Amino acid sequence: AIALGAGLLVVILLVIGAKGCLDARKNRSLEDYANNVTQIVNETNALGKSFFERISDPGELSVTEFTSEIQSDRSAMDGFLSRVEKLDTPGDMSSAQDSLTLVYQLRAGAMGEIADRMSTALGDEGAERARRQIAGQMEVLSAADVLYNRVTRHQIDFEIASNGANSPEMPVSTFIENPEDWLSVDAINDALDGVSGTTSTED
């Protein structure tokens, strides 16, 4: 009976130890996921800031230089989407990951559309239509911010907290600050007419 009791105790301790190791491994994977997303979000915020600073004040950039910079921003956003799609996602984060992927698909798609239409928007023929399309993509960028801030980051925070993992709250992601300043064609006209060599749509 003593031997049986000792054996049972050993089995219980082994089960508890194994569960503890599995829980610790699961928590580490959740924390690693949150940290990786935080890094991507912070870099995205920095890209958004530089993107809109450039549009607001293109300085002495020529049309060619300006469009090249916009293409570079597009490539950076494509890179963020690729990183999101390749994240090592714990099972509990599957729903949050789907939401995060949609956020970055929207952002990458919008930046791609903006970059594709920028040369036309800075020229003469077809500029008015291209600028309307760019304004429409600003709405998509704004919608992606709303989706992330109101859904995605709360999903990640919930899974972290419910599993007892340790990770700071997810950061806010604001690729487009003050979206009301960018959703109209007039706003796009005001910005793009400042690029050196641009043919104004009002001429």
C-alpha atoms as a PDB file:
ATOM      1  CA  ALA A   1       0.000   0.000   0.000  1.00  0.00           C
ATOM      2  CA  ILE A   2       2.863   2.358   0.833  1.00  0.00           C
ATOM      3  CA  ALA A   3       4.591   1.570  -2.438  1.00  0.00           C
ATOM      4  CA  LEU A   4       1.337   2.077  -4.340  1.00  0.00           C
ATOM      5  CA  GLY A   5       0.739   5.400  -2.613  1.00  0.00           C
ATOM      6  CA  ALA A   6       4.285   6.545  -3.349  1.00  0.00           C
ATOM      7  CA  GLY A   7       3.902   5.533  -6.982  1.00  0.00           C
ATOM      8  CA  LEU A   8       0.622   7.408  -7.263  1.00  0.00           C
ATOM      9  CA  LEU A   9       2.234  10.492  -5.740  1.00  0.00           C
ATOM     10  CA  VAL A  10       5.043  10.340  -8.274  1.00  0.00           C
ATOM     11  CA  VAL A  11       2.529  10.079 -11.127  1.00  0.00           C
ATOM     12  CA  ILE A  12       0.576  13.081  -9.798  1.00  0.00           C
ATOM     13  CA  LEU A  13       3.754  15.141  -9.462  1.00  0.00           C
ATOM     14  CA  LEU A  14       4.791  14.206 -12.993  1.00  0.00           C
ATOM     15  CA  VAL A  15       1.371  15.207 -14.362  1.00  0.00           C
ATOM     16  CA  ILE A  16       1.458  18.519 -12.483  1.00  0.00           C
ATOM     17  CA  GLY A  17       5.003  19.178 -13.667  1.00  0.00           C
ATOM     18  CA  ALA A  18       4.147  18.369 -17.265  1.00  0.00           C
ATOM     19  CA  LYS A  19       1.081  20.621 -17.145  1.00  0.00           C
ATOM     20  CA  GLY A  20       3.161  23.419 -15.673  1.00  0.00           C
ATOM     21  CA  CYS A  21       5.712  23.077 -18.471  1.00  0.00           C
ATOM     22  CA  LEU A  22       2.976  23.071 -21.128  1.00  0.00           C
ATOM     23  CA  ASP A  23       1.315  26.136 -19.588  1.00  0.00           C
ATOM     24  CA  ALA A  24       4.646  27.963 -19.426  1.00  0.00           C
ATOM     25  CA  ARG A  25       5.411  27.082 -23.041  1.00  0.00           C
ATOM     26  CA  LYS A  26       1.946  28.229 -24.124  1.00  0.00           C
ATOM     27  CA  ASN A  27       2.312  31.519 -22.261  1.00  0.00           C
ATOM     28  CA  ARG A  28       5.720  32.136 -23.812  1.00  0.00           C
ATOM     29  CA  SER A  29       4.275  31.572 -27.271  1.00  0.00           C
ATOM     30  CA  LEU A  30       1.443  34.027 -26.548  1.00  0.00           C
ATOM     31  CA  GLU A  31       3.894  36.604 -25.221  1.00  0.00           C
ATOM     32  CA  ASP A  32       6.204  36.148 -28.226  1.00  0.00           C
ATOM     33  CA  TYR A  33       3.246  36.622 -30.556  1.00  0.00           C
ATOM     34  CA  ALA A  34       2.175  39.822 -28.786  1.00  0.00           C
ATOM     35  CA  ASN A  35       5.743  41.162 -28.837  1.00  0.00           C
ATOM     36  CA  ASN A  36       6.098  40.466 -32.562  1.00  0.00           C
ATOM     37  CA  VAL A  37       2.785  42.167 -33.325  1.00  0.00           C
ATOM     38  CA  THR A  38       3.787  45.145 -31.185  1.00  0.00           C
ATOM     39  CA  GLN A  39       6.996  45.554 -33.185  1.00  0.00           C
ATOM     40  CA  ILE A  40       5.131  45.446 -36.492  1.00  0.00           C
ATOM     41  CA  VAL A  41       2.514  47.925 -35.246  1.00  0.00           C
ATOM     42  CA  ASN A  42       5.138  50.380 -33.994  1.00  0.00           C
ATOM     43  CA  GLU A  43       6.977  50.231 -37.317  1.00  0.00           C
ATOM     44  CA  THR A  44       3.674  50.700 -39.147  1.00  0.00           C
ATOM     45  CA  ASN A  45       2.908  53.794 -37.095  1.00  0.00           C
ATOM     46  CA  ALA A  46       6.331  55.206 -37.985  1.00  0.00           C
ATOM     47  CA  LEU A  47       5.703  54.515 -41.670  1.00  0.00           C
ATOM     48  CA  GLY A  48       2.333  56.249 -41.513  1.00  0.00           C
ATOM     49  CA  LYS A  49       3.878  59.300 -39.899  1.00  0.00           C
ATOM     50  CA  SER A  50       6.602  59.623 -42.545  1.00  0.00           C
ATOM     51  CA  PHE A  51       4.140  58.918 -45.373  1.00  0.00           C
ATOM     52  CA  PHE A  52       1.748  61.697 -44.402  1.00  0.00           C
ATOM     53  CA  GLU A  53       4.541  64.117 -43.535  1.00  0.00           C
ATOM     54  CA  ARG A  54       5.871  63.647 -47.059  1.00  0.00           C
ATOM     55  CA  ILE A  55       2.449  64.184 -48.642  1.00  0.00           C
ATOM     56  CA  SER A  56       1.794  67.220 -46.459  1.00  0.00           C
ATOM     57  CA  ASP A  57       5.159  68.789 -47.246  1.00  0.00           C
ATOM     58  CA  PRO A  58       6.920  67.281 -50.279  1.00  0.00           C
ATOM     59  CA  GLY A  59       9.562  69.989 -50.071  1.00  0.00           C
ATOM     60  CA  GLU A  60      11.752  70.116 -53.164  1.00  0.00           C
ATOM     61  CA  LEU A  61      10.980  66.573 -54.318  1.00  0.00           C
ATOM     62  CA  SER A  62      10.295  66.300 -58.038  1.00  0.00           C
ATOM     63  CA  VAL A  63       7.388  64.246 -59.323  1.00  0.00           C
ATOM     64  CA  THR A  64       9.737  61.358 -60.063  1.00  0.00           C
ATOM     65  CA  GLU A  65      11.343  61.516 -56.627  1.00  0.00           C
ATOM     66  CA  PHE A  66       7.991  61.850 -54.892  1.00  0.00           C
ATOM     67  CA  THR A  67       6.440  58.877 -56.665  1.00  0.00           C
ATOM     68  CA  SER A  68       9.562  56.831 -55.940  1.00  0.00           C
ATOM     69  CA  GLU A  69       9.172  57.565 -52.234  1.00  0.00           C
ATOM     70  CA  ILE A  70       5.524  56.514 -52.349  1.00  0.00           C
ATOM     71  CA  GLN A  71       6.515  53.252 -54.047  1.00  0.00           C
ATOM     72  CA  SER A  72       9.033  52.673 -51.269  1.00  0.00           C
ATOM     73  CA  ASP A  73       6.283  53.150 -48.663  1.00  0.00           C
ATOM     74  CA  ARG A  74       4.118  50.699 -50.578  1.00  0.00           C
ATOM     75  CA  SER A  75       6.908  48.110 -50.499  1.00  0.00           C
ATOM     76  CA  ALA A  76       7.333  48.637 -46.759  1.00  0.00           C
ATOM     77  CA  MET A  77       3.626  47.977 -46.179  1.00  0.00           C
ATOM     78  CA  ASP A  78       3.795  44.860 -48.340  1.00  0.00           C
ATOM     79  CA  GLY A  79       6.651  43.767 -46.096  1.00  0.00           C
ATOM     80  CA  PHE A  80       4.522  44.260 -42.991  1.00  0.00           C
ATOM     81  CA  LEU A  81       1.750  42.132 -44.510  1.00  0.00           C
ATOM     82  CA  SER A  82       4.243  39.377 -45.289  1.00  0.00           C
ATOM     83  CA  ARG A  83       5.547  39.452 -41.710  1.00  0.00           C
ATOM     84  CA  VAL A  84       2.006  39.272 -40.326  1.00  0.00           C
ATOM     85  CA  GLU A  85       1.155  36.303 -42.536  1.00  0.00           C
ATOM     86  CA  LYS A  86       4.279  34.466 -41.343  1.00  0.00           C
ATOM     87  CA  LEU A  87       3.703  35.005 -37.621  1.00  0.00           C
ATOM     88  CA  ASP A  88       3.960  31.901 -35.463  1.00  0.00           C
ATOM     89  CA  THR A  89       0.393  31.984 -34.175  1.00  0.00           C
ATOM     90  CA  PRO A  90      -0.677  30.145 -30.997  1.00  0.00           C
ATOM     91  CA  GLY A  91      -4.000  28.358 -31.364  1.00  0.00           C
ATOM     92  CA  ASP A  92      -5.798  30.705 -28.993  1.00  0.00           C
ATOM     93  CA  MET A  93      -4.783  33.638 -31.199  1.00  0.00           C
ATOM     94  CA  SER A  94      -6.266  32.269 -34.431  1.00  0.00           C
ATOM     95  CA  SER A  95      -9.229  34.671 -34.429  1.00  0.00           C
ATOM     96  CA  ALA A  96      -7.037  37.660 -33.574  1.00  0.00           C
ATOM     97  CA  GLN A  97      -4.575  36.614 -36.276  1.00  0.00           C
ATOM     98  CA  ASP A  98      -7.342  36.499 -38.886  1.00  0.00           C
ATOM     99  CA  SER A  99      -8.378  40.010 -37.875  1.00  0.00           C
ATOM    100  CA  LEU A 100      -4.778  41.270 -37.913  1.00  0.00           C
ATOM    101  CA  THR A 101      -4.193  39.770 -41.344  1.00  0.00           C
ATOM    102  CA  LEU A 102      -7.296  41.542 -42.681  1.00  0.00           C
ATOM    103  CA  VAL A 103      -6.034  44.857 -41.240  1.00  0.00           C
ATOM    104  CA  TYR A 104      -2.756  44.515 -43.116  1.00  0.00           C
ATOM    105  CA  GLN A 105      -4.402  43.272 -46.291  1.00  0.00           C
ATOM    106  CA  LEU A 106      -6.508  46.437 -46.279  1.00  0.00           C
ATOM    107  CA  ARG A 107      -3.460  48.615 -45.625  1.00  0.00           C
ATOM    108  CA  ALA A 108      -1.285  46.943 -48.237  1.00  0.00           C
ATOM    109  CA  GLY A 109      -4.092  47.048 -50.799  1.00  0.00           C
ATOM    110  CA  ALA A 110      -4.748  50.744 -50.176  1.00  0.00           C
ATOM    111  CA  MET A 111      -1.072  51.682 -50.347  1.00  0.00           C
ATOM    112  CA  GLY A 112      -0.770  49.705 -53.563  1.00  0.00           C
ATOM    113  CA  GLU A 113      -3.700  51.545 -55.126  1.00  0.00           C
ATOM    114  CA  ILE A 114      -2.325  54.910 -54.010  1.00  0.00           C
ATOM    115  CA  ALA A 115       1.115  54.131 -55.430  1.00  0.00           C
ATOM    116  CA  ASP A 116      -0.326  52.875 -58.725  1.00  0.00           C
ATOM    117  CA  ARG A 117      -2.325  56.075 -59.233  1.00  0.00           C
ATOM    118  CA  MET A 118       0.178  58.611 -57.969  1.00  0.00           C
ATOM    119  CA  SER A 119       1.960  59.278 -61.272  1.00  0.00           C
ATOM    120  CA  THR A 120      -1.362  59.917 -63.010  1.00  0.00           C
ATOM    121  CA  ALA A 121      -2.575  62.062 -60.116  1.00  0.00           C
ATOM    122  CA  LEU A 122       0.512  64.251 -60.454  1.00  0.00           C
ATOM    123  CA  GLY A 123       0.138  64.644 -64.205  1.00  0.00           C
ATOM    124  CA  ASP A 124      -2.533  66.162 -66.405  1.00  0.00           C
ATOM    125  CA  GLU A 125      -4.628  63.568 -68.215  1.00  0.00           C
ATOM    126  CA  GLY A 126      -6.730  61.521 -65.798  1.00  0.00           C
ATOM    127  CA  ALA A 127      -5.444  63.377 -62.742  1.00  0.00           C
ATOM    128  CA  GLU A 128      -8.863  64.295 -61.368  1.00  0.00           C
ATOM    129  CA  ARG A 129     -10.100  60.702 -61.416  1.00  0.00           C
ATOM    130  CA  ALA A 130      -6.842  59.392 -59.943  1.00  0.00           C
ATOM    131  CA  ARG A 131      -7.064  61.862 -57.083  1.00  0.00           C
ATOM    132  CA  ARG A 132     -10.625  60.791 -56.311  1.00  0.00           C
ATOM    133  CA  GLN A 133      -9.409  57.205 -56.183  1.00  0.00           C
ATOM    134  CA  ILE A 134      -6.575  58.143 -53.848  1.00  0.00           C
ATOM    135  CA  ALA A 135      -9.046  59.873 -51.533  1.00  0.00           C
ATOM    136  CA  GLY A 136     -11.116  56.680 -51.548  1.00  0.00           C
ATOM    137  CA  GLN A 137      -8.081  54.647 -50.482  1.00  0.00           C
ATOM    138  CA  MET A 138      -7.537  57.033 -47.583  1.00  0.00           C
ATOM    139  CA  GLU A 139     -10.929  55.838 -46.339  1.00  0.00           C
ATOM    140  CA  VAL A 140      -9.673  52.252 -46.517  1.00  0.00           C
ATOM    141  CA  LEU A 141      -6.592  53.160 -44.471  1.00  0.00           C
ATOM    142  CA  SER A 142      -8.822  54.818 -41.893  1.00  0.00           C
ATOM    143  CA  ALA A 143     -11.113  51.772 -41.770  1.00  0.00           C
ATOM    144  CA  ALA A 144      -8.106  49.508 -41.172  1.00  0.00           C
ATOM    145  CA  ASP A 145      -7.090  51.669 -38.205  1.00  0.00           C
ATOM    146  CA  VAL A 146     -10.597  51.370 -36.755  1.00  0.00           C
ATOM    147  CA  LEU A 147     -10.648  47.584 -37.219  1.00  0.00           C
ATOM    148  CA  TYR A 148      -7.307  47.154 -35.478  1.00  0.00           C
ATOM    149  CA  ASN A 149      -8.003  49.536 -32.599  1.00  0.00           C
ATOM    150  CA  ARG A 150     -11.569  48.433 -31.870  1.00  0.00           C
ATOM    151  CA  VAL A 151     -11.277  44.709 -32.546  1.00  0.00           C
ATOM    152  CA  THR A 152      -7.848  43.199 -33.172  1.00  0.00           C
ATOM    153  CA  ARG A 153      -5.838  44.602 -30.295  1.00  0.00           C
ATOM    154  CA  HIS A 154      -8.613  43.847 -27.800  1.00  0.00           C
ATOM    155  CA  GLN A 155      -8.737  40.250 -29.042  1.00  0.00           C
ATOM    156  CA  ILE A 156      -5.002  39.878 -28.433  1.00  0.00           C
ATOM    157  CA  ASP A 157      -5.192  41.534 -25.002  1.00  0.00           C
ATOM    158  CA  PHE A 158      -8.079  39.236 -24.030  1.00  0.00           C
ATOM    159  CA  GLU A 159      -6.219  36.051 -24.958  1.00  0.00           C
ATOM    160  CA  ILE A 160      -3.102  37.214 -23.114  1.00  0.00           C
ATOM    161  CA  ALA A 161      -5.072  38.034 -19.957  1.00  0.00           C
ATOM    162  CA  SER A 162      -7.318  34.955 -20.019  1.00  0.00           C
ATOM    163  CA  ASN A 163      -4.295  32.658 -20.217  1.00  0.00           C
ATOM    164  CA  GLY A 164      -2.417  34.446 -17.457  1.00  0.00           C
ATOM    165  CA  ALA A 165       0.468  35.399 -19.722  1.00  0.00           C
ATOM    166  CA  ASN A 166       2.531  38.509 -19.048  1.00  0.00           C
ATOM    167  CA  SER A 167       2.583  41.128 -21.773  1.00  0.00           C
ATOM    168  CA  PRO A 168       1.889  44.887 -21.904  1.00  0.00           C
ATOM    169  CA  GLU A 169      -1.342  45.992 -23.536  1.00  0.00           C
ATOM    170  CA  MET A 170      -1.167  46.115 -27.300  1.00  0.00           C
ATOM    171  CA  PRO A 171      -0.338  49.548 -28.711  1.00  0.00           C
ATOM    172  CA  VAL A 172      -2.816  51.666 -30.636  1.00  0.00           C
ATOM    173  CA  SER A 173      -2.173  51.709 -34.373  1.00  0.00           C
ATOM    174  CA  THR A 174      -2.823  54.978 -36.171  1.00  0.00           C
ATOM    175  CA  PHE A 175      -1.415  54.811 -39.662  1.00  0.00           C
ATOM    176  CA  ILE A 176      -3.549  57.776 -40.708  1.00  0.00           C
ATOM    177  CA  GLU A 177      -3.770  60.425 -38.008  1.00  0.00           C
ATOM    178  CA  ASN A 178      -6.621  62.924 -38.278  1.00  0.00           C
ATOM    179  CA  PRO A 179      -8.336  61.003 -41.108  1.00  0.00           C
ATOM    180  CA  GLU A 180     -10.907  63.763 -41.499  1.00  0.00           C
ATOM    181  CA  ASP A 181      -8.089  65.862 -43.002  1.00  0.00           C
ATOM    182  CA  TRP A 182      -7.431  63.338 -45.787  1.00  0.00           C
ATOM    183  CA  LEU A 183     -10.723  61.851 -46.932  1.00  0.00           C
ATOM    184  CA  SER A 184     -11.750  64.580 -49.371  1.00  0.00           C
ATOM    185  CA  VAL A 185     -10.540  65.197 -52.914  1.00  0.00           C
ATOM    186  CA  ASP A 186      -9.850  68.826 -51.944  1.00  0.00           C
ATOM    187  CA  ALA A 187      -7.400  67.639 -49.306  1.00  0.00           C
ATOM    188  CA  ILE A 188      -5.620  65.434 -51.823  1.00  0.00           C
ATOM    189  CA  ASN A 189      -5.513  68.302 -54.322  1.00  0.00           C
ATOM    190  CA  ASP A 190      -4.003  70.654 -51.757  1.00  0.00           C
ATOM    191  CA  ALA A 191      -1.300  68.130 -50.897  1.00  0.00           C
ATOM    192  CA  LEU A 192      -0.372  66.925 -54.378  1.00  0.00           C
ATOM    193  CA  ASP A 193      -0.381  70.381 -55.953  1.00  0.00           C
ATOM    194  CA  GLY A 194       2.602  71.122 -53.728  1.00  0.00           C
ATOM    195  CA  VAL A 195       4.794  68.563 -55.497  1.00  0.00           C
ATOM    196  CA  SER A 196       7.359  70.280 -57.738  1.00  0.00           C
ATOM    197  CA  GLY A 197       6.363  70.117 -61.407  1.00  0.00           C
ATOM    198  CA  THR A 198       2.775  69.061 -60.738  1.00  0.00           C
ATOM    199  CA  THR A 199       0.097  70.206 -63.144  1.00  0.00           C
ATOM    200  CA  SER A 200      -2.717  71.503 -60.946  1.00  0.00           C
ATOM    201  CA  THR A 201      -6.143  70.026 -61.621  1.00  0.00           C
ATOM    202  CA  GLU A 202      -7.558  73.521 -61.174  1.00  0.00           C
ATOM    203  CA  ASP A 203      -5.626  74.998 -64.097  1.00  0.00           C
END
